[in-house]
Amino acid sequence: MNLRVLILSGLVAASAGVAGWLQSHSDRTTREASAEHQLQSELATAAKDIQRIKIETHEGVVFAAVKDTDRWIATHLDTIMTFPVDMKKLAKFANALNSLEVLEPKTSQPEFYHRLGVESVRDSDARSLLIEIGGEKEAFSLLVGRTASGNRGTYVRQPEASTSLLVNKTLPLPEKRSDWLSREIFAFNSSDISAVDVEIEGQPLLTLNREGETADGWQIAGNDEATAALRYPTIVGQTVDKMLRFDFDGVKPFLQHKWSEVSLISQVIFSLEDGSEVMAYLSAPDPRGRFQLWIDTPDSPRWISEWVFELSEYQARAFLPRLENLTSAI
């Protein structure tokens, strides 16, 4: 083979290599552009009329809800019963989702997905989180991964796409099954209450009412000396408000046969101005230090009686007010 043939052969090989690289680069660029366009297009379409949401990890569903007329109800706690959703948290999530913008494409190689946390939630060790939103016809899914360094955004990938992307937002997402549940439990406030009776195991009955002349109108009933010795004028009213605005770590369906096995340490009776009563029963802590709270509304049945709330020790304190905590030394 002469020198001319060798040179021509080398040029052909080099041209083929360059052509192959150009084609490969063009294909990758096309895939990346397609992934960006698909994300923006599908998200914009789905966001127009969101009627259902599901968020899950490889361990299971963290949150699921559907729109019921003008309100949202959570469906992930029980197959039959529903629970009101915290609309502020849901709105914050929807606003962040609607304003997602792609900053740049990332890896399209599956072996590197775990570095960004955008692997399938079906993987046993997945760190990703799968969001599904939909309307009557449209549906949209997105795998949400790690936050980029410097809080520049979040890595995401659509399950059917190979290219992962960096978007401009860190989405507000629930960490626990109870995070996006409504905290507005009672259908009344302190101004609707005439008296609160607190019965704590081993303690004398404590009655609080709104006929006093303290700053917020609350006093310790039948104990003028104690009322005169309040730590500060509004402490009784604040004690009642803490009960009405209690927080919780979890909820589960109320089952009468299960509840009958619970040992109670506190009972709070709210007497309302309309003559009705609402009872709150607090259990002793379980081995994990968790308390259970059941709210009974016999005079005006409401959804809250269908649930048992799980409280931490700190959260349970709202239903364990003691006279010595309300007053200075008498």
C-alpha atoms as a PDB file:
ATOM      1  CA  MET A   1       0.000   0.000   0.000  1.00  0.00           C
ATOM      2  CA  ASN A   2       1.552   3.320  -1.055  1.00  0.00           C
ATOM      3  CA  LEU A   3       1.659   6.495   1.007  1.00  0.00           C
ATOM      4  CA  ARG A   4      -1.203   8.133  -0.912  1.00  0.00           C
ATOM      5  CA  VAL A   5      -3.543   5.250  -0.105  1.00  0.00           C
ATOM      6  CA  LEU A   6      -2.560   5.341   3.560  1.00  0.00           C
ATOM      7  CA  ILE A   7      -3.268   9.075   3.782  1.00  0.00           C
ATOM      8  CA  LEU A   8      -6.634   8.724   2.068  1.00  0.00           C
ATOM      9  CA  SER A   9      -7.568   5.852   4.347  1.00  0.00           C
ATOM     10  CA  GLY A  10      -6.651   7.930   7.399  1.00  0.00           C
ATOM     11  CA  LEU A  11      -8.703  10.870   6.181  1.00  0.00           C
ATOM     12  CA  VAL A  12     -11.714   8.647   5.561  1.00  0.00           C
ATOM     13  CA  ALA A  13     -11.412   7.138   9.028  1.00  0.00           C
ATOM     14  CA  ALA A  14     -11.020  10.561  10.633  1.00  0.00           C
ATOM     15  CA  SER A  15     -13.996  11.916   8.724  1.00  0.00           C
ATOM     16  CA  ALA A  16     -16.091   8.964   9.810  1.00  0.00           C
ATOM     17  CA  GLY A  17     -15.034   9.543  13.418  1.00  0.00           C
ATOM     18  CA  VAL A  18     -15.876  13.246  13.283  1.00  0.00           C
ATOM     19  CA  ALA A  19     -19.179  12.479  11.608  1.00  0.00           C
ATOM     20  CA  GLY A  20     -19.984   9.918  14.280  1.00  0.00           C
ATOM     21  CA  TRP A  21     -19.122  12.377  17.046  1.00  0.00           C
ATOM     22  CA  LEU A  22     -21.162  15.137  15.418  1.00  0.00           C
ATOM     23  CA  GLN A  23     -24.123  12.802  15.037  1.00  0.00           C
ATOM     24  CA  SER A  24     -23.806  11.636  18.643  1.00  0.00           C
ATOM     25  CA  HIS A  25     -23.520  15.222  19.883  1.00  0.00           C
ATOM     26  CA  SER A  26     -26.492  16.258  17.739  1.00  0.00           C
ATOM     27  CA  ASP A  27     -28.601  13.374  19.066  1.00  0.00           C
ATOM     28  CA  ARG A  28     -27.734  14.257  22.664  1.00  0.00           C
ATOM     29  CA  THR A  29     -28.512  17.936  22.101  1.00  0.00           C
ATOM     30  CA  THR A  30     -31.822  16.995  20.515  1.00  0.00           C
ATOM     31  CA  ARG A  31     -32.706  14.707  23.438  1.00  0.00           C
ATOM     32  CA  GLU A  32     -31.848  17.425  25.952  1.00  0.00           C
ATOM     33  CA  ALA A  33     -33.863  20.055  24.118  1.00  0.00           C
ATOM     34  CA  SER A  34     -36.734  17.604  23.812  1.00  0.00           C
ATOM     35  CA  ALA A  35     -36.635  16.832  27.538  1.00  0.00           C
ATOM     36  CA  GLU A  36     -36.695  20.545  28.417  1.00  0.00           C
ATOM     37  CA  HIS A  37     -39.556  21.260  26.033  1.00  0.00           C
ATOM     38  CA  GLN A  38     -41.530  18.225  27.198  1.00  0.00           C
ATOM     39  CA  LEU A  39     -41.226  19.201  30.852  1.00  0.00           C
ATOM     40  CA  GLN A  40     -42.328  22.787  30.283  1.00  0.00           C
ATOM     41  CA  SER A  41     -45.133  21.834  27.896  1.00  0.00           C
ATOM     42  CA  GLU A  42     -46.631  18.997  29.941  1.00  0.00           C
ATOM     43  CA  LEU A  43     -46.346  20.904  33.208  1.00  0.00           C
ATOM     44  CA  ALA A  44     -48.059  23.969  31.738  1.00  0.00           C
ATOM     45  CA  THR A  45     -50.905  21.815  30.416  1.00  0.00           C
ATOM     46  CA  ALA A  46     -51.390  19.828  33.635  1.00  0.00           C
ATOM     47  CA  ALA A  47     -51.180  22.902  35.880  1.00  0.00           C
ATOM     48  CA  LYS A  48     -54.215  24.508  34.242  1.00  0.00           C
ATOM     49  CA  ASP A  49     -56.671  22.294  36.096  1.00  0.00           C
ATOM     50  CA  ILE A  50     -55.178  20.209  38.908  1.00  0.00           C
ATOM     51  CA  GLN A  51     -57.803  17.983  40.502  1.00  0.00           C
ATOM     52  CA  ARG A  52     -55.681  15.274  42.104  1.00  0.00           C
ATOM     53  CA  ILE A  53     -52.226  14.994  43.613  1.00  0.00           C
ATOM     54  CA  LYS A  54     -50.091  12.094  44.777  1.00  0.00           C
ATOM     55  CA  ILE A  55     -46.618  12.249  46.294  1.00  0.00           C
ATOM     56  CA  GLU A  56     -44.684   9.093  47.096  1.00  0.00           C
ATOM     57  CA  THR A  57     -41.279   7.666  47.923  1.00  0.00           C
ATOM     58  CA  HIS A  58     -40.045   4.084  47.610  1.00  0.00           C
ATOM     59  CA  GLU A  59     -41.567   3.493  51.069  1.00  0.00           C
ATOM     60  CA  GLY A  60     -45.057   4.419  49.939  1.00  0.00           C
ATOM     61  CA  VAL A  61     -47.465   7.326  49.502  1.00  0.00           C
ATOM     62  CA  VAL A  62     -46.668  10.360  51.662  1.00  0.00           C
ATOM     63  CA  PHE A  63     -49.627  12.441  50.501  1.00  0.00           C
ATOM     64  CA  ALA A  64     -52.599  12.050  48.189  1.00  0.00           C
ATOM     65  CA  ALA A  65     -55.571  14.355  47.740  1.00  0.00           C
ATOM     66  CA  VAL A  66     -58.444  15.127  45.411  1.00  0.00           C
ATOM     67  CA  LYS A  67     -60.396  18.296  44.780  1.00  0.00           C
ATOM     68  CA  ASP A  68     -63.972  18.058  46.005  1.00  0.00           C
ATOM     69  CA  THR A  69     -65.929  21.011  44.571  1.00  0.00           C
ATOM     70  CA  ASP A  70     -64.230  24.007  46.229  1.00  0.00           C
ATOM     71  CA  ARG A  71     -62.074  22.152  48.764  1.00  0.00           C
ATOM     72  CA  TRP A  72     -59.277  19.584  48.872  1.00  0.00           C
ATOM     73  CA  ILE A  73     -59.427  16.396  50.928  1.00  0.00           C
ATOM     74  CA  ALA A  74     -56.600  14.006  51.735  1.00  0.00           C
ATOM     75  CA  THR A  75     -57.139  10.384  50.693  1.00  0.00           C
ATOM     76  CA  HIS A  76     -53.874   8.691  51.721  1.00  0.00           C
ATOM     77  CA  LEU A  77     -54.770   7.997  55.356  1.00  0.00           C
ATOM     78  CA  ASP A  78     -57.617   5.561  54.831  1.00  0.00           C
ATOM     79  CA  THR A  79     -59.342   3.813  51.937  1.00  0.00           C
ATOM     80  CA  ILE A  80     -62.737   5.261  52.889  1.00  0.00           C
ATOM     81  CA  MET A  81     -62.382   8.275  55.176  1.00  0.00           C
ATOM     82  CA  THR A  82     -60.904  11.620  54.146  1.00  0.00           C
ATOM     83  CA  PHE A  83     -59.209  14.455  56.017  1.00  0.00           C
ATOM     84  CA  PRO A  84     -59.151  18.225  55.231  1.00  0.00           C
ATOM     85  CA  VAL A  85     -55.982  19.531  53.567  1.00  0.00           C
ATOM     86  CA  ASP A  86     -53.880  22.504  54.676  1.00  0.00           C
ATOM     87  CA  MET A  87     -54.709  24.826  51.801  1.00  0.00           C
ATOM     88  CA  LYS A  88     -51.845  27.244  52.479  1.00  0.00           C
ATOM     89  CA  LYS A  89     -49.246  24.495  52.094  1.00  0.00           C
ATOM     90  CA  LEU A  90     -50.955  23.119  49.008  1.00  0.00           C
ATOM     91  CA  ALA A  91     -51.095  26.578  47.425  1.00  0.00           C
ATOM     92  CA  LYS A  92     -47.400  27.149  48.157  1.00  0.00           C
ATOM     93  CA  PHE A  93     -46.557  23.866  46.434  1.00  0.00           C
ATOM     94  CA  ALA A  94     -48.753  24.669  43.412  1.00  0.00           C
ATOM     95  CA  ASN A  95     -47.213  28.130  43.003  1.00  0.00           C
ATOM     96  CA  ALA A  96     -43.686  26.697  43.085  1.00  0.00           C
ATOM     97  CA  LEU A  97     -44.637  23.994  40.594  1.00  0.00           C
ATOM     98  CA  ASN A  98     -46.196  26.512  38.209  1.00  0.00           C
ATOM     99  CA  SER A  99     -43.062  28.651  38.203  1.00  0.00           C
ATOM    100  CA  LEU A 100     -40.559  25.856  37.505  1.00  0.00           C
ATOM    101  CA  GLU A 101     -38.005  26.735  34.827  1.00  0.00           C
ATOM    102  CA  VAL A 102     -35.266  24.532  33.412  1.00  0.00           C
ATOM    103  CA  LEU A 103     -31.787  25.893  34.054  1.00  0.00           C
ATOM    104  CA  GLU A 104     -29.774  23.203  32.274  1.00  0.00           C
ATOM    105  CA  PRO A 105     -29.842  19.543  31.249  1.00  0.00           C
ATOM    106  CA  LYS A 106     -27.952  16.950  33.279  1.00  0.00           C
ATOM    107  CA  THR A 107     -27.065  13.293  32.890  1.00  0.00           C
ATOM    108  CA  SER A 108     -29.078  10.937  30.698  1.00  0.00           C
ATOM    109  CA  GLN A 109     -27.141   7.875  31.865  1.00  0.00           C
ATOM    110  CA  PRO A 110     -29.165   5.704  34.284  1.00  0.00           C
ATOM    111  CA  GLU A 111     -26.082   4.628  36.215  1.00  0.00           C
ATOM    112  CA  PHE A 112     -25.616   8.238  37.336  1.00  0.00           C
ATOM    113  CA  TYR A 113     -29.234   8.991  38.309  1.00  0.00           C
ATOM    114  CA  HIS A 114     -28.608   8.101  41.952  1.00  0.00           C
ATOM    115  CA  ARG A 115     -26.012  10.881  42.221  1.00  0.00           C
ATOM    116  CA  LEU A 116     -28.745  13.421  41.550  1.00  0.00           C
ATOM    117  CA  GLY A 117     -31.443  11.466  43.385  1.00  0.00           C
ATOM    118  CA  VAL A 118     -33.627  11.081  40.301  1.00  0.00           C
ATOM    119  CA  GLU A 119     -33.723   7.291  40.115  1.00  0.00           C
ATOM    120  CA  SER A 120     -37.071   5.462  40.028  1.00  0.00           C
ATOM    121  CA  VAL A 121     -38.985   5.395  43.319  1.00  0.00           C
ATOM    122  CA  ARG A 122     -39.400   1.659  42.703  1.00  0.00           C
ATOM    123  CA  ASP A 123     -35.703   1.177  43.493  1.00  0.00           C
ATOM    124  CA  SER A 124     -35.337  -0.160  47.024  1.00  0.00           C
ATOM    125  CA  ASP A 125     -32.738   2.429  48.006  1.00  0.00           C
ATOM    126  CA  ALA A 126     -34.219   5.337  46.045  1.00  0.00           C
ATOM    127  CA  ARG A 127     -33.894   8.821  47.474  1.00  0.00           C
ATOM    128  CA  SER A 128     -36.194  10.309  44.863  1.00  0.00           C
ATOM    129  CA  LEU A 129     -39.746  11.464  45.335  1.00  0.00           C
ATOM    130  CA  LEU A 130     -42.447  11.036  42.695  1.00  0.00           C
ATOM    131  CA  ILE A 131     -45.049  13.762  42.131  1.00  0.00           C
ATOM    132  CA  GLU A 132     -48.172  12.997  40.123  1.00  0.00           C
ATOM    133  CA  ILE A 133     -50.770  15.653  39.335  1.00  0.00           C
ATOM    134  CA  GLY A 134     -53.750  15.366  37.052  1.00  0.00           C
ATOM    135  CA  GLY A 135     -57.084  16.652  35.897  1.00  0.00           C
ATOM    136  CA  GLU A 136     -59.926  14.865  34.163  1.00  0.00           C
ATOM    137  CA  LYS A 137     -57.821  14.166  31.068  1.00  0.00           C
ATOM    138  CA  GLU A 138     -54.245  15.311  31.623  1.00  0.00           C
ATOM    139  CA  ALA A 139     -51.646  13.769  33.941  1.00  0.00           C
ATOM    140  CA  PHE A 140     -48.094  14.805  34.760  1.00  0.00           C
ATOM    141  CA  SER A 141     -45.360  12.975  36.674  1.00  0.00           C
ATOM    142  CA  LEU A 142     -42.028  14.235  37.918  1.00  0.00           C
ATOM    143  CA  LEU A 143     -39.205  12.623  39.875  1.00  0.00           C
ATOM    144  CA  VAL A 144     -37.718  15.114  42.327  1.00  0.00           C
ATOM    145  CA  GLY A 145     -34.153  14.584  43.468  1.00  0.00           C
ATOM    146  CA  ARG A 146     -31.492  16.372  45.486  1.00  0.00           C
ATOM    147  CA  THR A 147     -31.104  20.108  45.913  1.00  0.00           C
ATOM    148  CA  ALA A 148     -28.202  21.425  43.850  1.00  0.00           C
ATOM    149  CA  SER A 149     -25.165  22.836  45.654  1.00  0.00           C
ATOM    150  CA  GLY A 150     -25.570  26.454  46.639  1.00  0.00           C
ATOM    151  CA  ASN A 151     -29.359  25.993  46.617  1.00  0.00           C
ATOM    152  CA  ARG A 152     -29.341  26.770  42.898  1.00  0.00           C
ATOM    153  CA  GLY A 153     -32.384  24.591  42.350  1.00  0.00           C
ATOM    154  CA  THR A 154     -33.406  20.950  42.244  1.00  0.00           C
ATOM    155  CA  TYR A 155     -32.572  17.981  40.038  1.00  0.00           C
ATOM    156  CA  VAL A 156     -35.632  16.432  38.395  1.00  0.00           C
ATOM    157  CA  ARG A 157     -36.509  13.913  35.717  1.00  0.00           C
ATOM    158  CA  GLN A 158     -39.719  12.813  34.103  1.00  0.00           C
ATOM    159  CA  PRO A 159     -40.048   9.037  34.620  1.00  0.00           C
ATOM    160  CA  GLU A 160     -40.343   8.296  30.902  1.00  0.00           C
ATOM    161  CA  ALA A 161     -37.448  10.596  29.926  1.00  0.00           C
ATOM    162  CA  SER A 162     -33.777   9.687  29.990  1.00  0.00           C
ATOM    163  CA  THR A 163     -32.406  13.210  30.467  1.00  0.00           C
ATOM    164  CA  SER A 164     -32.397  14.685  33.955  1.00  0.00           C
ATOM    165  CA  LEU A 165     -32.691  18.439  34.418  1.00  0.00           C
ATOM    166  CA  LEU A 166     -31.792  21.164  36.876  1.00  0.00           C
ATOM    167  CA  VAL A 167     -34.775  23.413  37.602  1.00  0.00           C
ATOM    168  CA  ASN A 168     -34.807  26.760  39.366  1.00  0.00           C
ATOM    169  CA  LYS A 169     -36.974  25.880  42.370  1.00  0.00           C
ATOM    170  CA  THR A 170     -36.718  23.866  45.559  1.00  0.00           C
ATOM    171  CA  LEU A 171     -40.235  22.493  45.847  1.00  0.00           C
ATOM    172  CA  PRO A 172     -41.913  22.571  49.285  1.00  0.00           C
ATOM    173  CA  LEU A 173     -42.821  18.921  49.899  1.00  0.00           C
ATOM    174  CA  PRO A 174     -44.245  16.905  52.814  1.00  0.00           C
ATOM    175  CA  GLU A 175     -41.824  14.784  54.820  1.00  0.00           C
ATOM    176  CA  LYS A 176     -44.484  12.991  56.884  1.00  0.00           C
ATOM    177  CA  ARG A 177     -47.990  11.766  56.096  1.00  0.00           C
ATOM    178  CA  SER A 178     -49.464  14.405  58.409  1.00  0.00           C
ATOM    179  CA  ASP A 179     -47.497  17.435  57.159  1.00  0.00           C
ATOM    180  CA  TRP A 180     -50.104  18.742  54.725  1.00  0.00           C
ATOM    181  CA  LEU A 181     -53.172  17.966  56.820  1.00  0.00           C
ATOM    182  CA  SER A 182     -55.291  20.849  58.088  1.00  0.00           C
ATOM    183  CA  ARG A 183     -54.664  22.008  61.675  1.00  0.00           C
ATOM    184  CA  GLU A 184     -58.083  23.653  61.860  1.00  0.00           C
ATOM    185  CA  ILE A 185     -59.787  20.919  63.849  1.00  0.00           C
ATOM    186  CA  PHE A 186     -62.410  22.599  66.010  1.00  0.00           C
ATOM    187  CA  ALA A 187     -65.403  24.341  64.436  1.00  0.00           C
ATOM    188  CA  PHE A 188     -65.456  26.990  67.200  1.00  0.00           C
ATOM    189  CA  ASN A 189     -63.096  29.407  68.925  1.00  0.00           C
ATOM    190  CA  SER A 190     -62.664  30.598  72.492  1.00  0.00           C
ATOM    191  CA  SER A 191     -65.375  33.263  72.157  1.00  0.00           C
ATOM    192  CA  ASP A 192     -67.912  30.469  71.545  1.00  0.00           C
ATOM    193  CA  ILE A 193     -67.028  28.722  74.830  1.00  0.00           C
ATOM    194  CA  SER A 194     -68.663  29.439  78.186  1.00  0.00           C
ATOM    195  CA  ALA A 195     -66.542  27.039  80.276  1.00  0.00           C
ATOM    196  CA  VAL A 196     -63.818  24.407  80.086  1.00  0.00           C
ATOM    197  CA  ASP A 197     -63.645  21.571  82.621  1.00  0.00           C
ATOM    198  CA  VAL A 198     -60.300  19.791  82.915  1.00  0.00           C
ATOM    199  CA  GLU A 199     -60.088  16.450  84.690  1.00  0.00           C
ATOM    200  CA  ILE A 200     -56.527  15.158  85.004  1.00  0.00           C
ATOM    201  CA  GLU A 201     -55.787  11.855  86.680  1.00  0.00           C
ATOM    202  CA  GLY A 202     -54.757  12.478  90.287  1.00  0.00           C
ATOM    203  CA  GLN A 203     -55.650  16.189  90.156  1.00  0.00           C
ATOM    204  CA  PRO A 204     -58.685  18.134  91.413  1.00  0.00           C
ATOM    205  CA  LEU A 205     -61.162  19.346  88.809  1.00  0.00           C
ATOM    206  CA  LEU A 206     -60.062  22.573  87.136  1.00  0.00           C
ATOM    207  CA  THR A 207     -62.805  24.751  85.631  1.00  0.00           C
ATOM    208  CA  LEU A 208     -62.079  27.776  83.459  1.00  0.00           C
ATOM    209  CA  ASN A 209     -64.796  30.195  82.365  1.00  0.00           C
ATOM    210  CA  ARG A 210     -65.283  33.555  80.681  1.00  0.00           C
ATOM    211  CA  GLU A 211     -67.140  35.448  83.387  1.00  0.00           C
ATOM    212  CA  GLY A 212     -64.126  36.956  85.059  1.00  0.00           C
ATOM    213  CA  GLU A 213     -62.657  40.430  84.920  1.00  0.00           C
ATOM    214  CA  THR A 214     -59.191  39.443  83.751  1.00  0.00           C
ATOM    215  CA  ALA A 215     -57.728  40.978  80.579  1.00  0.00           C
ATOM    216  CA  ASP A 216     -59.298  38.400  78.243  1.00  0.00           C
ATOM    217  CA  GLY A 217     -62.401  37.666  80.314  1.00  0.00           C
ATOM    218  CA  TRP A 218     -61.241  34.219  81.485  1.00  0.00           C
ATOM    219  CA  GLN A 219     -60.880  33.151  85.086  1.00  0.00           C
ATOM    220  CA  ILE A 220     -60.423  30.074  87.247  1.00  0.00           C
ATOM    221  CA  ALA A 221     -64.014  29.348  88.220  1.00  0.00           C
ATOM    222  CA  GLY A 222     -64.870  29.144  91.931  1.00  0.00           C
ATOM    223  CA  ASN A 223     -61.379  30.198  92.987  1.00  0.00           C
ATOM    224  CA  ASP A 224     -61.048  33.971  93.375  1.00  0.00           C
ATOM    225  CA  GLU A 225     -57.733  33.569  95.162  1.00  0.00           C
ATOM    226  CA  ALA A 226     -56.251  31.638  92.246  1.00  0.00           C
ATOM    227  CA  THR A 227     -57.665  34.090  89.707  1.00  0.00           C
ATOM    228  CA  ALA A 228     -56.097  36.956  91.626  1.00  0.00           C
ATOM    229  CA  ALA A 229     -52.762  35.130  91.569  1.00  0.00           C
ATOM    230  CA  LEU A 230     -52.596  34.419  87.826  1.00  0.00           C
ATOM    231  CA  ARG A 231     -49.042  34.558  86.454  1.00  0.00           C
ATOM    232  CA  TYR A 232     -50.268  37.167  83.966  1.00  0.00           C
ATOM    233  CA  PRO A 233     -53.809  38.366  83.099  1.00  0.00           C
ATOM    234  CA  THR A 234     -54.196  36.521  79.756  1.00  0.00           C
ATOM    235  CA  ILE A 235     -52.774  33.136  80.786  1.00  0.00           C
ATOM    236  CA  VAL A 236     -56.161  31.397  81.157  1.00  0.00           C
ATOM    237  CA  GLY A 237     -57.383  32.484  77.726  1.00  0.00           C
ATOM    238  CA  GLN A 238     -54.064  31.452  76.173  1.00  0.00           C
ATOM    239  CA  THR A 239     -54.359  28.057  77.842  1.00  0.00           C
ATOM    240  CA  VAL A 240     -57.750  27.531  76.191  1.00  0.00           C
ATOM    241  CA  ASP A 241     -56.427  28.736  72.811  1.00  0.00           C
ATOM    242  CA  LYS A 242     -53.562  26.213  72.964  1.00  0.00           C
ATOM    243  CA  MET A 243     -56.119  23.405  73.260  1.00  0.00           C
ATOM    244  CA  LEU A 244     -58.108  24.681  70.288  1.00  0.00           C
ATOM    245  CA  ARG A 245     -54.968  25.111  68.156  1.00  0.00           C
ATOM    246  CA  PHE A 246     -53.162  21.953  69.147  1.00  0.00           C
ATOM    247  CA  ASP A 247     -50.630  20.389  66.819  1.00  0.00           C
ATOM    248  CA  PHE A 248     -50.193  16.682  66.070  1.00  0.00           C
ATOM    249  CA  ASP A 249     -47.701  14.281  64.527  1.00  0.00           C
ATOM    250  CA  GLY A 250     -50.134  11.833  62.954  1.00  0.00           C
ATOM    251  CA  VAL A 251     -53.720  10.641  62.694  1.00  0.00           C
ATOM    252  CA  LYS A 252     -55.425   7.288  62.369  1.00  0.00           C
ATOM    253  CA  PRO A 253     -59.063   6.174  62.053  1.00  0.00           C
ATOM    254  CA  PHE A 254     -61.018   5.919  65.304  1.00  0.00           C
ATOM    255  CA  LEU A 255     -61.954   2.331  66.156  1.00  0.00           C
ATOM    256  CA  GLN A 256     -64.158   1.899  69.214  1.00  0.00           C
ATOM    257  CA  HIS A 257     -62.750  -1.502  70.180  1.00  0.00           C
ATOM    258  CA  LYS A 258     -59.200  -0.154  69.994  1.00  0.00           C
ATOM    259  CA  TRP A 259     -60.016   3.004  71.922  1.00  0.00           C
ATOM    260  CA  SER A 260     -61.687   1.027  74.726  1.00  0.00           C
ATOM    261  CA  GLU A 261     -58.286  -0.519  75.450  1.00  0.00           C
ATOM    262  CA  VAL A 262     -56.640   2.883  75.952  1.00  0.00           C
ATOM    263  CA  SER A 263     -55.806   4.191  79.436  1.00  0.00           C
ATOM    264  CA  LEU A 264     -56.928   7.819  79.811  1.00  0.00           C
ATOM    265  CA  ILE A 265     -55.114  10.466  81.866  1.00  0.00           C
ATOM    266  CA  SER A 266     -57.076  13.579  80.948  1.00  0.00           C
ATOM    267  CA  GLN A 267     -60.579  14.629  79.913  1.00  0.00           C
ATOM    268  CA  VAL A 268     -61.428  18.144  78.760  1.00  0.00           C
ATOM    269  CA  ILE A 269     -65.058  19.216  78.334  1.00  0.00           C
ATOM    270  CA  PHE A 270     -65.787  22.337  76.279  1.00  0.00           C
ATOM    271  CA  SER A 271     -69.209  23.793  77.140  1.00  0.00           C
ATOM    272  CA  LEU A 272     -70.350  26.009  74.279  1.00  0.00           C
ATOM    273  CA  GLU A 273     -72.615  29.035  74.399  1.00  0.00           C
ATOM    274  CA  ASP A 274     -75.259  27.192  72.371  1.00  0.00           C
ATOM    275  CA  GLY A 275     -75.587  24.561  75.120  1.00  0.00           C
ATOM    276  CA  SER A 276     -73.680  21.797  73.344  1.00  0.00           C
ATOM    277  CA  GLU A 277     -70.564  20.039  74.593  1.00  0.00           C
ATOM    278  CA  VAL A 278     -67.383  18.715  73.008  1.00  0.00           C
ATOM    279  CA  MET A 279     -65.120  16.259  74.845  1.00  0.00           C
ATOM    280  CA  ALA A 280     -61.400  15.695  74.311  1.00  0.00           C
ATOM    281  CA  TYR A 281     -59.845  12.553  75.782  1.00  0.00           C
ATOM    282  CA  LEU A 282     -56.070  12.159  76.173  1.00  0.00           C
ATOM    283  CA  SER A 283     -54.412   8.771  76.649  1.00  0.00           C
ATOM    284  CA  ALA A 284     -51.375   7.831  78.681  1.00  0.00           C
ATOM    285  CA  PRO A 285     -48.179   7.729  76.595  1.00  0.00           C
ATOM    286  CA  ASP A 286     -47.299   4.512  74.785  1.00  0.00           C
ATOM    287  CA  PRO A 287     -43.801   2.944  74.958  1.00  0.00           C
ATOM    288  CA  ARG A 288     -42.633   5.419  72.299  1.00  0.00           C
ATOM    289  CA  GLY A 289     -43.784   8.377  74.402  1.00  0.00           C
ATOM    290  CA  ARG A 290     -46.701   9.113  72.069  1.00  0.00           C
ATOM    291  CA  PHE A 291     -50.094  10.258  73.340  1.00  0.00           C
ATOM    292  CA  GLN A 292     -53.446   9.703  71.653  1.00  0.00           C
ATOM    293  CA  LEU A 293     -56.248  12.263  71.544  1.00  0.00           C
ATOM    294  CA  TRP A 294     -59.846  11.570  70.611  1.00  0.00           C
ATOM    295  CA  ILE A 295     -62.394  14.378  70.273  1.00  0.00           C
ATOM    296  CA  ASP A 296     -66.047  13.432  70.708  1.00  0.00           C
ATOM    297  CA  THR A 297     -68.803  15.727  69.399  1.00  0.00           C
ATOM    298  CA  PRO A 298     -72.008  13.953  70.535  1.00  0.00           C
ATOM    299  CA  ASP A 299     -74.289  17.000  70.311  1.00  0.00           C
ATOM    300  CA  SER A 300     -73.227  17.942  66.785  1.00  0.00           C
ATOM    301  CA  PRO A 301     -71.428  15.055  65.038  1.00  0.00           C
ATOM    302  CA  ARG A 302     -68.413  16.150  62.969  1.00  0.00           C
ATOM    303  CA  TRP A 303     -65.666  14.493  60.991  1.00  0.00           C
ATOM    304  CA  ILE A 304     -63.106  15.005  63.761  1.00  0.00           C
ATOM    305  CA  SER A 305     -64.690  12.238  65.827  1.00  0.00           C
ATOM    306  CA  GLU A 306     -63.698   9.740  63.127  1.00  0.00           C
ATOM    307  CA  TRP A 307     -59.994  10.230  63.888  1.00  0.00           C
ATOM    308  CA  VAL A 308     -57.491   9.684  66.673  1.00  0.00           C
ATOM    309  CA  PHE A 309     -54.645  12.202  66.801  1.00  0.00           C
ATOM    310  CA  GLU A 310     -51.115  11.170  67.738  1.00  0.00           C
ATOM    311  CA  LEU A 311     -49.296  13.741  69.877  1.00  0.00           C
ATOM    312  CA  SER A 312     -45.765  14.154  71.171  1.00  0.00           C
ATOM    313  CA  GLU A 313     -45.175  14.902  74.844  1.00  0.00           C
ATOM    314  CA  TYR A 314     -44.821  18.595  74.047  1.00  0.00           C
ATOM    315  CA  GLN A 315     -48.047  18.664  72.001  1.00  0.00           C
ATOM    316  CA  ALA A 316     -49.968  16.797  74.718  1.00  0.00           C
ATOM    317  CA  ARG A 317     -49.190  19.473  77.321  1.00  0.00           C
ATOM    318  CA  ALA A 318     -52.009  21.622  75.932  1.00  0.00           C
ATOM    319  CA  PHE A 319     -54.492  19.137  77.408  1.00  0.00           C
ATOM    320  CA  LEU A 320     -52.723  18.848  80.755  1.00  0.00           C
ATOM    321  CA  PRO A 321     -53.069  22.339  82.284  1.00  0.00           C
ATOM    322  CA  ARG A 322     -52.539  22.431  86.055  1.00  0.00           C
ATOM    323  CA  LEU A 323     -53.489  25.056  88.584  1.00  0.00           C
ATOM    324  CA  GLU A 324     -49.874  25.554  89.716  1.00  0.00           C
ATOM    325  CA  ASN A 325     -48.858  26.326  86.118  1.00  0.00           C
ATOM    326  CA  LEU A 326     -51.450  29.088  85.832  1.00  0.00           C
ATOM    327  CA  THR A 327     -50.749  30.877  89.082  1.00  0.00           C
ATOM    328  CA  SER A 328     -47.873  32.242  91.063  1.00  0.00           C
ATOM    329  CA  ALA A 329     -47.366  30.760  94.519  1.00  0.00           C
ATOM    330  CA  ILE A 330     -50.545  31.223  96.554  1.00  0.00           C
END
